Amino acid sequence: MSEPAEMVHHIFPVSEYPELEFEEWNCLPLTNKRHNTFHDRTNDKIIGPGIFWQRKRKKEFLNFYKNRKNKIL
């Protein structure tokens, strides 16, 4: 049984990558309880499932910056 999302987790944090804030592939709807498993709440570092999703979305991440670089050139 799934639960309704309570928030959106940014796979690549907005604090480090503000340009990715509204990229659909960078947003993951979660419950607050599940979201707490994605961060070490003492220092806010990405852990566990958060690292899994960063690895899973690495291709999209690299393509975003590749395409962005090509638009500038």
Foldseek 3Di string as FASTA:
>chain_A
DDDFFPDWAFLPDCVVVVVCPPPPLRIDGHHPVVVPQQADVVVRDGDDPSVVSCVVCVVVVVVVVVVVVVVVD
